[in-house]
C-alpha atoms as a PDB file:
ATOM      1  CA  MET A   1     -13.975 -22.353  -3.731  1.00  0.00           C
ATOM      2  CA  THR A   2     -12.523 -20.281  -6.857  1.00  0.00           C
ATOM      3  CA  GLU A   3     -10.164 -17.426  -5.907  1.00  0.00           C
ATOM      4  CA  HIS A   4     -10.865 -14.492  -8.144  1.00  0.00           C
ATOM      5  CA  TYR A   5      -8.268 -12.305  -9.084  1.00  0.00           C
ATOM      6  CA  LEU A   6      -8.031  -8.429 -10.733  1.00  0.00           C
ATOM      7  CA  GLY A   7      -5.921  -8.216 -13.925  1.00  0.00           C
ATOM      8  CA  LEU A   8      -4.472  -4.887 -15.154  1.00  0.00           C
ATOM      9  CA  THR A   9      -7.904  -3.940 -16.949  1.00  0.00           C
ATOM     10  CA  ASP A  10      -9.891  -4.667 -13.473  1.00  0.00           C
ATOM     11  CA  VAL A  11      -7.712  -2.464 -11.482  1.00  0.00           C
ATOM     12  CA  ALA A  12      -8.390   0.322 -14.003  1.00  0.00           C
ATOM     13  CA  VAL A  13     -11.892  -0.089 -14.136  1.00  0.00           C
ATOM     14  CA  ARG A  14     -11.736  -0.203 -10.217  1.00  0.00           C
ATOM     15  CA  LEU A  15      -9.738   2.997  -9.873  1.00  0.00           C
ATOM     16  CA  GLY A  16     -11.612   4.559 -12.187  1.00  0.00           C
ATOM     17  CA  ILE A  17      -8.806   5.480 -14.550  1.00  0.00           C
ATOM     18  CA  THR A  18      -7.544   3.933 -18.046  1.00  0.00           C
ATOM     19  CA  LYS A  19      -5.461   0.776 -18.547  1.00  0.00           C
ATOM     20  CA  GLY A  20      -2.574   3.325 -19.774  1.00  0.00           C
ATOM     21  CA  ALA A  21      -2.792   5.644 -16.685  1.00  0.00           C
ATOM     22  CA  LEU A  22      -1.962   2.840 -14.487  1.00  0.00           C
ATOM     23  CA  ALA A  23       1.433   2.824 -15.723  1.00  0.00           C
ATOM     24  CA  THR A  24       2.288   5.992 -13.967  1.00  0.00           C
ATOM     25  CA  LEU A  25       1.202   4.268 -10.435  1.00  0.00           C
ATOM     26  CA  HIS A  26       3.425   1.890  -8.588  1.00  0.00           C
ATOM     27  CA  LEU A  27       1.273  -0.759  -7.710  1.00  0.00           C
ATOM     28  CA  PRO A  28       1.457  -3.194  -4.527  1.00  0.00           C
ATOM     29  CA  GLU A  29       3.014  -6.595  -5.057  1.00  0.00           C
ATOM     30  CA  PRO A  30       0.482  -8.869  -6.853  1.00  0.00           C
ATOM     31  CA  ASP A  31      -1.084 -11.493  -4.487  1.00  0.00           C
ATOM     32  CA  VAL A  32      -0.720 -14.054  -7.316  1.00  0.00           C
ATOM     33  CA  MET A  33       1.334 -14.647 -10.510  1.00  0.00           C
ATOM     34  CA  ILE A  34      -0.036 -17.037 -13.454  1.00  0.00           C
ATOM     35  CA  GLY A  35       2.992 -17.196 -15.853  1.00  0.00           C
ATOM     36  CA  ARG A  36       3.868 -13.402 -16.149  1.00  0.00           C
ATOM     37  CA  THR A  37       0.482 -12.426 -15.666  1.00  0.00           C
ATOM     38  CA  ARG A  38      -0.240 -10.355 -12.180  1.00  0.00           C
ATOM     39  CA  GLY A  39      -3.438 -10.581 -10.175  1.00  0.00           C
ATOM     40  CA  TRP A  40      -4.314  -8.801  -7.400  1.00  0.00           C
ATOM     41  CA  LYS A  41      -7.457  -9.538  -4.722  1.00  0.00           C
ATOM     42  CA  PRO A  42      -9.554  -6.604  -4.581  1.00  0.00           C
ATOM     43  CA  GLU A  43      -9.433  -5.855  -0.843  1.00  0.00           C
ATOM     44  CA  SER A  44      -5.614  -5.657  -1.611  1.00  0.00           C
ATOM     45  CA  ILE A  45      -6.428  -2.628  -4.418  1.00  0.00           C
ATOM     46  CA  ASP A  46      -8.744  -0.815  -1.932  1.00  0.00           C
ATOM     47  CA  ARG A  47      -6.384  -1.185   0.656  1.00  0.00           C
ATOM     48  CA  TRP A  48      -3.428   0.333  -1.424  1.00  0.00           C
ATOM     49  CA  ASN A  49      -5.652   3.045  -3.268  1.00  0.00           C
ATOM     50  CA  VAL A  50      -6.383   4.112   0.025  1.00  0.00           C
ATOM     51  CA  SER A  51      -2.982   4.926   1.489  1.00  0.00           C
ATOM     52  CA  ARG A  52      -1.288   5.509  -1.640  1.00  0.00           C
ATOM     53  CA  PRO A  53       0.946   8.931  -1.618  1.00  0.00           C
ATOM     54  CA  GLY A  54      -0.818  11.532  -3.506  1.00  0.00           C
ATOM     55  CA  HIS A  55      -4.616  10.168  -3.238  1.00  0.00           C
ATOM     56  CA  GLY A  56      -7.084  12.884  -2.844  1.00  0.00           C
ATOM     57  CA  GLY A  57      -5.572  15.404  -5.079  1.00  0.00           C
ATOM     58  CA  ARG A  58      -3.272  18.568  -4.372  1.00  0.00           C
ATOM     59  CA  PRO A  59      -3.626  19.807  -0.844  1.00  0.00           C
ATOM     60  CA  ARG A  60      -5.417  23.207  -0.807  1.00  0.00           C
ATOM     61  CA  LYS A  61      -3.346  26.535  -0.881  1.00  0.00           C
ATOM     62  CA  GLU A  62      -3.885  28.769   2.500  1.00  0.00           C
ATOM     63  CA  ASP A  63      -4.636  32.466   2.262  1.00  0.00           C
END
C-alpha cells in the first residue's frame, strides 16, 4: 500500500493558512524525509494542530 504524506503546501492548505505563514510556526518533526523534503501524515498534523500553543486565539479579557 502506498503511503501519502503532506508537503509544506499541503500542510498550509490543511491548516487554512498561507505557505508563508508556516515559517512562523514550529512544525512537528516530519514523519518522513525524502532527500531534503519533509513529509507529514495528515493525522500527525491534525494532532499537532489541536495541541499547539496559542491555538484558538487570544483568551477573552475578564470584565
